[in-house]
PDB file of N, CA and C in Angstrom:
ATOM      1  N   MET A   1      95.482  89.645  91.723  1.00  0.00           N
ATOM      2  CA  MET A   1      95.171  90.330  90.474  1.00  0.00           C
ATOM      3  C   MET A   1      96.463  90.696  89.757  1.00  0.00           C
ATOM      4  N   ALA A   2      96.408  90.637  88.453  1.00  0.00           N
ATOM      5  CA  ALA A   2      97.592  90.904  87.653  1.00  0.00           C
ATOM      6  C   ALA A   2      97.605  92.340  87.139  1.00  0.00           C
ATOM      7  N   LEU A   3      98.806  92.883  87.037  1.00  0.00           N
ATOM      8  CA  LEU A   3      98.976  94.185  86.400  1.00  0.00           C
ATOM      9  C   LEU A   3      98.852  94.008  84.896  1.00  0.00           C
ATOM     10  N   ARG A   4      98.174  94.947  84.254  1.00  0.00           N
ATOM     11  CA  ARG A   4      98.041  94.938  82.793  1.00  0.00           C
ATOM     12  C   ARG A   4      98.451  96.305  82.275  1.00  0.00           C
ATOM     13  N   LEU A   5      99.401  96.323  81.360  1.00  0.00           N
ATOM     14  CA  LEU A   5      99.886  97.550  80.764  1.00  0.00           C
ATOM     15  C   LEU A   5      99.428  97.604  79.316  1.00  0.00           C
ATOM     16  N   PHE A   6      98.554  98.556  79.022  1.00  0.00           N
ATOM     17  CA  PHE A   6      98.064  98.741  77.661  1.00  0.00           C
ATOM     18  C   PHE A   6      99.026  99.654  76.924  1.00  0.00           C
ATOM     19  N   ILE A   7      99.524  99.165  75.790  1.00  0.00           N
ATOM     20  CA  ILE A   7     100.464  99.911  74.950  1.00  0.00           C
ATOM     21  C   ILE A   7      99.982  99.840  73.505  1.00  0.00           C
ATOM     22  N   THR A   8     100.753 100.490  72.639  1.00  0.00           N
ATOM     23  CA  THR A   8     100.542 100.304  71.204  1.00  0.00           C
ATOM     24  C   THR A   8     101.892 100.145  70.526  1.00  0.00           C
ATOM     25  N   THR A   9     101.968  99.219  69.601  1.00  0.00           N
ATOM     26  CA  THR A   9     103.200  99.033  68.828  1.00  0.00           C
ATOM     27  C   THR A   9     103.148  99.807  67.522  1.00  0.00           C
ATOM     28  N   VAL A  10     101.997 100.433  67.257  1.00  0.00           N
ATOM     29  CA  VAL A  10     101.838 101.198  66.026  1.00  0.00           C
ATOM     30  C   VAL A  10     101.600 102.659  66.396  1.00  0.00           C
ATOM     31  N   THR A  11     102.679 103.416  66.445  1.00  0.00           N
ATOM     32  CA  THR A  11     102.579 104.845  66.725  1.00  0.00           C
ATOM     33  C   THR A  11     103.773 105.565  66.137  1.00  0.00           C
ATOM     34  N   GLY A  12     103.537 106.764  65.691  1.00  0.00           N
ATOM     35  CA  GLY A  12     104.613 107.609  65.200  1.00  0.00           C
ATOM     36  C   GLY A  12     105.048 108.605  66.264  1.00  0.00           C
ATOM     37  N   SER A  13     104.433 108.532  67.426  1.00  0.00           N
ATOM     38  CA  SER A  13     104.703 109.480  68.503  1.00  0.00           C
ATOM     39  C   SER A  13     105.911 109.040  69.321  1.00  0.00           C
ATOM     40  N   ARG A  14     106.939 109.858  69.315  1.00  0.00           N
ATOM     41  CA  ARG A  14     108.117 109.560  70.136  1.00  0.00           C
ATOM     42  C   ARG A  14     107.774 109.619  71.616  1.00  0.00           C
ATOM     43  N   GLU A  15     106.863 110.522  71.970  1.00  0.00           N
ATOM     44  CA  GLU A  15     106.452 110.653  73.369  1.00  0.00           C
ATOM     45  C   GLU A  15     105.798 109.359  73.863  1.00  0.00           C
ATOM     46  N   THR A  16     104.884 108.815  73.075  1.00  0.00           N
ATOM     47  CA  THR A  16     104.218 107.569  73.457  1.00  0.00           C
ATOM     48  C   THR A  16     105.230 106.439  73.576  1.00  0.00           C
ATOM     49  N   LYS A  17     106.119 106.314  72.598  1.00  0.00           N
ATOM     50  CA  LYS A  17     107.144 105.267  72.650  1.00  0.00           C
ATOM     51  C   LYS A  17     108.025 105.407  73.881  1.00  0.00           C
ATOM     52  N   SER A  18     108.415 106.633  74.185  1.00  0.00           N
ATOM     53  CA  SER A  18     109.262 106.895  75.337  1.00  0.00           C
ATOM     54  C   SER A  18     108.547 106.565  76.648  1.00  0.00           C
ATOM     55  N   GLN A  19     107.284 106.973  76.757  1.00  0.00           N
ATOM     56  CA  GLN A  19     106.511 106.701  77.965  1.00  0.00           C
ATOM     57  C   GLN A  19     106.311 105.201  78.162  1.00  0.00           C
ATOM     58  N   GLN A  20     105.989 104.497  77.099  1.00  0.00           N
ATOM     59  CA  GLN A  20     105.803 103.039  77.189  1.00  0.00           C
ATOM     60  C   GLN A  20     107.097 102.368  77.626  1.00  0.00           C
ATOM     61  N   SER A  21     108.197 102.796  77.054  1.00  0.00           N
ATOM     62  CA  SER A  21     109.496 102.223  77.384  1.00  0.00           C
ATOM     63  C   SER A  21     109.851 102.479  78.847  1.00  0.00           C
ATOM     64  N   GLU A  22     109.604 103.681  79.319  1.00  0.00           N
ATOM     65  CA  GLU A  22     109.913 104.019  80.710  1.00  0.00           C
ATOM     66  C   GLU A  22     109.028 103.234  81.684  1.00  0.00           C
ATOM     67  N   MET A  23     107.759 103.096  81.357  1.00  0.00           N
ATOM     68  CA  MET A  23     106.867 102.337  82.228  1.00  0.00           C
ATOM     69  C   MET A  23     107.291 100.868  82.308  1.00  0.00           C
ATOM     70  N   THR A  24     107.636 100.267  81.183  1.00  0.00           N
ATOM     71  CA  THR A  24     108.073  98.868  81.213  1.00  0.00           C
ATOM     72  C   THR A  24     109.399  98.736  81.959  1.00  0.00           C
ATOM     73  N   ARG A  25     110.275  99.709  81.806  1.00  0.00           N
ATOM     74  CA  ARG A  25     111.563  99.685  82.521  1.00  0.00           C
ATOM     75  C   ARG A  25     111.336  99.709  84.031  1.00  0.00           C
ATOM     76  N   ILE A  26     110.436 100.582  84.481  1.00  0.00           N
ATOM     77  CA  ILE A  26     110.145 100.689  85.920  1.00  0.00           C
ATOM     78  C   ILE A  26     109.541  99.386  86.435  1.00  0.00           C
ATOM     79  N   LEU A  27     108.557  98.859  85.733  1.00  0.00           N
ATOM     80  CA  LEU A  27     107.925  97.610  86.174  1.00  0.00           C
ATOM     81  C   LEU A  27     108.917  96.457  86.172  1.00  0.00           C
ATOM     82  N   ASP A  28     109.763  96.397  85.149  1.00  0.00           N
ATOM     83  CA  ASP A  28     110.783  95.342  85.088  1.00  0.00           C
ATOM     84  C   ASP A  28     111.793  95.477  86.225  1.00  0.00           C
ATOM     85  N   SER A  29     112.212  96.712  86.515  1.00  0.00           N
ATOM     86  CA  SER A  29     113.256  96.925  87.518  1.00  0.00           C
ATOM     87  C   SER A  29     112.787  96.601  88.930  1.00  0.00           C
ATOM     88  N   CYS A  30     111.488  96.747  89.185  1.00  0.00           N
ATOM     89  CA  CYS A  30     111.005  96.441  90.539  1.00  0.00           C
ATOM     90  C   CYS A  30     110.462  95.015  90.625  1.00  0.00           C
ATOM     91  N   GLY A  31     110.532  94.278  89.533  1.00  0.00           N
ATOM     92  CA  GLY A  31     110.204  92.858  89.559  1.00  0.00           C
ATOM     93  C   GLY A  31     108.731  92.511  89.598  1.00  0.00           C
ATOM     94  N   HIS A  32     107.878  93.465  89.261  1.00  0.00           N
ATOM     95  CA  HIS A  32     106.447  93.182  89.259  1.00  0.00           C
ATOM     96  C   HIS A  32     106.039  92.523  87.948  1.00  0.00           C
ATOM     97  N   PRO A  33     105.440  91.338  88.011  1.00  0.00           N
ATOM     98  CA  PRO A  33     104.962  90.716  86.781  1.00  0.00           C
ATOM     99  C   PRO A  33     103.778  91.507  86.234  1.00  0.00           C
ATOM    100  N   TYR A  34     103.718  91.594  84.942  1.00  0.00           N
ATOM    101  CA  TYR A  34     102.622  92.311  84.297  1.00  0.00           C
ATOM    102  C   TYR A  34     102.399  91.746  82.907  1.00  0.00           C
ATOM    103  N   GLU A  35     101.200  91.966  82.427  1.00  0.00           N
ATOM    104  CA  GLU A  35     100.823  91.542  81.085  1.00  0.00           C
ATOM    105  C   GLU A  35     100.800  92.776  80.191  1.00  0.00           C
ATOM    106  N   VAL A  36     101.401  92.668  79.025  1.00  0.00           N
ATOM    107  CA  VAL A  36     101.360  93.746  78.044  1.00  0.00           C
ATOM    108  C   VAL A  36     100.198  93.471  77.100  1.00  0.00           C
ATOM    109  N   VAL A  37      99.343  94.474  76.933  1.00  0.00           N
ATOM    110  CA  VAL A  37      98.205  94.372  76.026  1.00  0.00           C
ATOM    111  C   VAL A  37      98.408  95.408  74.927  1.00  0.00           C
ATOM    112  N   ASP A  38      98.594  94.943  73.700  1.00  0.00           N
ATOM    113  CA  ASP A  38      98.844  95.824  72.561  1.00  0.00           C
ATOM    114  C   ASP A  38      97.519  96.164  71.884  1.00  0.00           C
ATOM    115  N   ILE A  39      97.099  97.423  72.001  1.00  0.00           N
ATOM    116  CA  ILE A  39      95.818  97.823  71.427  1.00  0.00           C
ATOM    117  C   ILE A  39      95.835  97.846  69.904  1.00  0.00           C
ATOM    118  N   ALA A  40      97.029  97.784  69.309  1.00  0.00           N
ATOM    119  CA  ALA A  40      97.127  97.766  67.850  1.00  0.00           C
ATOM    120  C   ALA A  40      96.726  96.414  67.273  1.00  0.00           C
ATOM    121  N   VAL A  41      96.736  95.389  68.107  1.00  0.00           N
ATOM    122  CA  VAL A  41      96.412  94.033  67.659  1.00  0.00           C
ATOM    123  C   VAL A  41      94.919  93.878  67.407  1.00  0.00           C
ATOM    124  N   ASP A  42      94.116  94.528  68.250  1.00  0.00           N
ATOM    125  CA  ASP A  42      92.661  94.356  68.174  1.00  0.00           C
ATOM    126  C   ASP A  42      91.986  95.596  68.752  1.00  0.00           C
ATOM    127  N   ASN A  43      91.063  96.176  68.018  1.00  0.00           N
ATOM    128  CA  ASN A  43      90.366  97.379  68.480  1.00  0.00           C
ATOM    129  C   ASN A  43      89.590  97.152  69.769  1.00  0.00           C
ATOM    130  N   SER A  44      89.237  95.910  70.066  1.00  0.00           N
ATOM    131  CA  SER A  44      88.507  95.650  71.308  1.00  0.00           C
ATOM    132  C   SER A  44      89.378  95.967  72.525  1.00  0.00           C
ATOM    133  N   PHE A  45      90.707  95.847  72.390  1.00  0.00           N
ATOM    134  CA  PHE A  45      91.608  96.206  73.483  1.00  0.00           C
ATOM    135  C   PHE A  45      91.588  97.712  73.732  1.00  0.00           C
ATOM    136  N   ARG A  46      91.553  98.493  72.657  1.00  0.00           N
ATOM    137  CA  ARG A  46      91.469  99.948  72.786  1.00  0.00           C
ATOM    138  C   ARG A  46      90.163 100.333  73.479  1.00  0.00           C
ATOM    139  N   THR A  47      89.068  99.707  73.057  1.00  0.00           N
ATOM    140  CA  THR A  47      87.766  99.970  73.666  1.00  0.00           C
ATOM    141  C   THR A  47      87.787  99.605  75.140  1.00  0.00           C
ATOM    142  N   GLU A  48      88.337  98.449  75.469  1.00  0.00           N
ATOM    143  CA  GLU A  48      88.433  98.010  76.861  1.00  0.00           C
ATOM    144  C   GLU A  48      89.241  99.008  77.693  1.00  0.00           C
ATOM    145  N   MET A  49      90.393  99.431  77.167  1.00  0.00           N
ATOM    146  CA  MET A  49      91.253 100.381  77.869  1.00  0.00           C
ATOM    147  C   MET A  49      90.503 101.677  78.157  1.00  0.00           C
ATOM    148  N   ARG A  50      89.806 102.177  77.166  1.00  0.00           N
ATOM    149  CA  ARG A  50      89.092 103.445  77.317  1.00  0.00           C
ATOM    150  C   ARG A  50      87.903 103.325  78.256  1.00  0.00           C
ATOM    151  N   GLU A  51      87.171 102.234  78.159  1.00  0.00           N
ATOM    152  CA  GLU A  51      86.019 102.038  79.051  1.00  0.00           C
ATOM    153  C   GLU A  51      86.463 101.899  80.498  1.00  0.00           C
ATOM    154  N   LYS A  52      87.478 101.085  80.742  1.00  0.00           N
ATOM    155  CA  LYS A  52      87.929 100.845  82.107  1.00  0.00           C
ATOM    156  C   LYS A  52      88.613 102.056  82.720  1.00  0.00           C
ATOM    157  N   SER A  53      89.218 102.901  81.884  1.00  0.00           N
ATOM    158  CA  SER A  53      89.867 104.108  82.412  1.00  0.00           C
ATOM    159  C   SER A  53      88.858 105.227  82.644  1.00  0.00           C
ATOM    160  N   GLY A  54      87.676 105.079  82.039  1.00  0.00           N
ATOM    161  CA  GLY A  54      86.665 106.118  82.173  1.00  0.00           C
ATOM    162  C   GLY A  54      86.935 107.322  81.290  1.00  0.00           C
ATOM    163  N   ASN A  55      87.826 107.152  80.319  1.00  0.00           N
ATOM    164  CA  ASN A  55      88.187 108.242  79.418  1.00  0.00           C
ATOM    165  C   ASN A  55      88.048 107.761  77.977  1.00  0.00           C
ATOM    166  N   PRO A  56      87.047 108.273  77.242  1.00  0.00           N
ATOM    167  CA  PRO A  56      86.833 107.808  75.879  1.00  0.00           C
ATOM    168  C   PRO A  56      87.952 108.197  74.902  1.00  0.00           C
ATOM    169  N   ASN A  57      88.866 109.060  75.349  1.00  0.00           N
ATOM    170  CA  ASN A  57      89.978 109.486  74.503  1.00  0.00           C
ATOM    171  C   ASN A  57      91.338 109.022  75.025  1.00  0.00           C
ATOM    172  N   ALA A  58      91.340 108.108  75.992  1.00  0.00           N
ATOM    173  CA  ALA A  58      92.596 107.651  76.602  1.00  0.00           C
ATOM    174  C   ALA A  58      93.536 107.072  75.552  1.00  0.00           C
ATOM    175  N   LEU A  59      94.802 107.398  75.699  1.00  0.00           N
ATOM    176  CA  LEU A  59      95.851 106.875  74.835  1.00  0.00           C
ATOM    177  C   LEU A  59      96.831 106.079  75.682  1.00  0.00           C
ATOM    178  N   PRO A  60      97.471 105.098  75.085  1.00  0.00           N
ATOM    179  CA  PRO A  60      98.457 104.326  75.833  1.00  0.00           C
ATOM    180  C   PRO A  60      99.696 105.182  76.128  1.00  0.00           C
ATOM    181  N   PRO A  61     100.427 104.826  77.130  1.00  0.00           N
ATOM    182  CA  PRO A  61     100.297 103.669  78.002  1.00  0.00           C
ATOM    183  C   PRO A  61      99.318 103.919  79.154  1.00  0.00           C
ATOM    184  N   GLN A  62      98.601 102.874  79.536  1.00  0.00           N
ATOM    185  CA  GLN A  62      97.654 102.916  80.654  1.00  0.00           C
ATOM    186  C   GLN A  62      97.850 101.642  81.470  1.00  0.00           C
ATOM    187  N   LEU A  63      97.788 101.784  82.786  1.00  0.00           N
ATOM    188  CA  LEU A  63      98.083 100.667  83.681  1.00  0.00           C
ATOM    189  C   LEU A  63      96.860 100.332  84.541  1.00  0.00           C
ATOM    190  N   PHE A  64      96.605  99.023  84.664  1.00  0.00           N
ATOM    191  CA  PHE A  64      95.472  98.517  85.430  1.00  0.00           C
ATOM    192  C   PHE A  64      95.943  97.409  86.366  1.00  0.00           C
ATOM    193  N   LEU A  65      95.243  97.279  87.477  1.00  0.00           N
ATOM    194  CA  LEU A  65      95.418  96.144  88.373  1.00  0.00           C
ATOM    195  C   LEU A  65      94.119  95.373  88.297  1.00  0.00           C
ATOM    196  N   GLY A  66      94.127  94.287  87.535  1.00  0.00           N
ATOM    197  CA  GLY A  66      92.875  93.598  87.218  1.00  0.00           C
ATOM    198  C   GLY A  66      92.007  94.562  86.418  1.00  0.00           C
ATOM    199  N   ASP A  67      90.808  94.842  86.920  1.00  0.00           N
ATOM    200  CA  ASP A  67      89.916  95.797  86.256  1.00  0.00           C
ATOM    201  C   ASP A  67      90.027  97.200  86.840  1.00  0.00           C
ATOM    202  N   LYS A  68      90.843  97.358  87.864  1.00  0.00           N
ATOM    203  CA  LYS A  68      90.991  98.666  88.518  1.00  0.00           C
ATOM    204  C   LYS A  68      91.994  99.526  87.766  1.00  0.00           C
ATOM    205  N   TYR A  69      91.565 100.718  87.389  1.00  0.00           N
ATOM    206  CA  TYR A  69      92.431 101.656  86.675  1.00  0.00           C
ATOM    207  C   TYR A  69      93.402 102.304  87.638  1.00  0.00           C
ATOM    208  N   LEU A  70      94.699 102.184  87.360  1.00  0.00           N
ATOM    209  CA  LEU A  70      95.721 102.804  88.193  1.00  0.00           C
ATOM    210  C   LEU A  70      96.145 104.167  87.652  1.00  0.00           C
ATOM    211  N   GLY A  71      96.251 104.267  86.330  1.00  0.00           N
ATOM    212  CA  GLY A  71      96.652 105.537  85.723  1.00  0.00           C
ATOM    213  C   GLY A  71      97.551 105.329  84.528  1.00  0.00           C
ATOM    214  N   GLY A  72      98.021 106.451  84.035  1.00  0.00           N
ATOM    215  CA  GLY A  72      98.921 106.441  82.896  1.00  0.00           C
ATOM    216  C   GLY A  72     100.335 106.791  83.324  1.00  0.00           C
ATOM    217  N   PHE A  73     101.083 107.297  82.386  1.00  0.00           N
ATOM    218  CA  PHE A  73     102.491 107.619  82.617  1.00  0.00           C
ATOM    219  C   PHE A  73     102.667 108.634  83.742  1.00  0.00           C
ATOM    220  N   GLN A  74     101.903 109.704  83.721  1.00  0.00           N
ATOM    221  CA  GLN A  74     102.060 110.762  84.732  1.00  0.00           C
ATOM    222  C   GLN A  74     101.805 110.232  86.141  1.00  0.00           C
ATOM    223  N   GLU A  75     100.784 109.418  86.294  1.00  0.00           N
ATOM    224  CA  GLU A  75     100.455 108.872  87.602  1.00  0.00           C
ATOM    225  C   GLU A  75     101.543 107.926  88.115  1.00  0.00           C
ATOM    226  N   LEU A  76     102.072 107.098  87.212  1.00  0.00           N
ATOM    227  CA  LEU A  76     103.140 106.188  87.609  1.00  0.00           C
ATOM    228  C   LEU A  76     104.378 106.975  88.018  1.00  0.00           C
ATOM    229  N   MET A  77     104.737 107.989  87.249  1.00  0.00           N
ATOM    230  CA  MET A  77     105.925 108.783  87.565  1.00  0.00           C
ATOM    231  C   MET A  77     105.747 109.529  88.879  1.00  0.00           C
ATOM    232  N   ALA A  78     104.554 110.020  89.155  1.00  0.00           N
ATOM    233  CA  ALA A  78     104.294 110.706  90.425  1.00  0.00           C
ATOM    234  C   ALA A  78     104.488 109.734  91.593  1.00  0.00           C
ATOM    235  N   ALA A  79     104.027 108.493  91.432  1.00  0.00           N
ATOM    236  CA  ALA A  79     104.194 107.483  92.479  1.00  0.00           C
ATOM    237  C   ALA A  79     105.669 107.177  92.706  1.00  0.00           C
ATOM    238  N   VAL A  80     106.441 107.099  91.627  1.00  0.00           N
ATOM    239  CA  VAL A  80     107.873 106.843  91.736  1.00  0.00           C
ATOM    240  C   VAL A  80     108.541 108.003  92.476  1.00  0.00           C
ATOM    241  N   GLU A  81     108.232 109.217  92.070  1.00  0.00           N
ATOM    242  CA  GLU A  81     108.844 110.400  92.683  1.00  0.00           C
ATOM    243  C   GLU A  81     108.466 110.549  94.147  1.00  0.00           C
ATOM    244  N   ASP A  82     107.256 110.139  94.507  1.00  0.00           N
ATOM    245  CA  ASP A  82     106.790 110.243  95.899  1.00  0.00           C
ATOM    246  C   ASP A  82     107.233 109.069  96.755  1.00  0.00           C
ATOM    247  N   GLY A  83     107.871 108.070  96.142  1.00  0.00           N
ATOM    248  CA  GLY A  83     108.292 106.877  96.878  1.00  0.00           C
ATOM    249  C   GLY A  83     107.134 105.961  97.227  1.00  0.00           C
ATOM    250  N   ASP A  84     106.031 106.060  96.477  1.00  0.00           N
ATOM    251  CA  ASP A  84     104.825 105.284  96.741  1.00  0.00           C
ATOM    252  C   ASP A  84     104.530 104.246  95.672  1.00  0.00           C
ATOM    253  N   LEU A  85     105.549 103.768  94.975  1.00  0.00           N
ATOM    254  CA  LEU A  85     105.310 102.851  93.857  1.00  0.00           C
ATOM    255  C   LEU A  85     104.616 101.570  94.304  1.00  0.00           C
ATOM    256  N   GLU A  86     105.076 100.981  95.394  1.00  0.00           N
ATOM    257  CA  GLU A  86     104.464  99.725  95.859  1.00  0.00           C
ATOM    258  C   GLU A  86     102.980  99.928  96.173  1.00  0.00           C
ATOM    259  N   LYS A  87     102.677 101.000  96.847  1.00  0.00           N
ATOM    260  CA  LYS A  87     101.279 101.306  97.177  1.00  0.00           C
ATOM    261  C   LYS A  87     100.477 101.562  95.905  1.00  0.00           C
ATOM    262  N   PHE A  88     101.036 102.329  94.976  1.00  0.00           N
ATOM    263  CA  PHE A  88     100.373 102.640  93.706  1.00  0.00           C
ATOM    264  C   PHE A  88     100.033 101.368  92.941  1.00  0.00           C
ATOM    265  N   LEU A  89     100.953 100.414  92.953  1.00  0.00           N
ATOM    266  CA  LEU A  89     100.759  99.171  92.205  1.00  0.00           C
ATOM    267  C   LEU A  89      99.889  98.175  92.953  1.00  0.00           C
ATOM    268  N   GLY A  90      99.408  98.559  94.132  1.00  0.00           N
ATOM    269  CA  GLY A  90      98.539  97.679  94.903  1.00  0.00           C
ATOM    270  C   GLY A  90      99.272  96.529  95.538  1.00  0.00           C
ATOM    271  N   GLN A  91     100.575  96.688  95.729  1.00  0.00           N
ATOM    272  CA  GLN A  91     101.395  95.617  96.266  1.00  0.00           C
ATOM    273  C   GLN A  91     101.656  95.803  97.751  1.00  0.00           C
ATOM    274  N   ASN A  92     101.008  96.762  98.354  1.00  0.00           N
ATOM    275  CA  ASN A  92     101.251  97.051  99.767  1.00  0.00           C
ATOM    276  C   ASN A  92      99.988  96.936 100.574  1.00  0.00           C
TER     277      ASN A  92
END
C-alpha cells in the first residue's frame, strides 16, 4: 500500500504551509515513497480526505496508508518524537 499525503496548494495559512512542508521533509528524509494529493485541484479529493479520516472538518495535511487513516501533523510529529515513525507509517 502506498502512503498518500493530502495537502493544499491554495491556503493563506502559514501554519498549514509549515505543517505540509515539515511532513514532506520528514517523509523525504526517511526515504518513504508517497503520493501527494492536492485537494485544491478537485473538491472530490477534499471529500475523500474528510470521509476517510472520519472528520467532516479535517484540514490538510492528512496522511493515509492506502485507505487507512494514519493522522495529521500532530500524530506524525508524536511518532517522530517517540521514535516510532516506521511503525506509524506501517513500515514495520
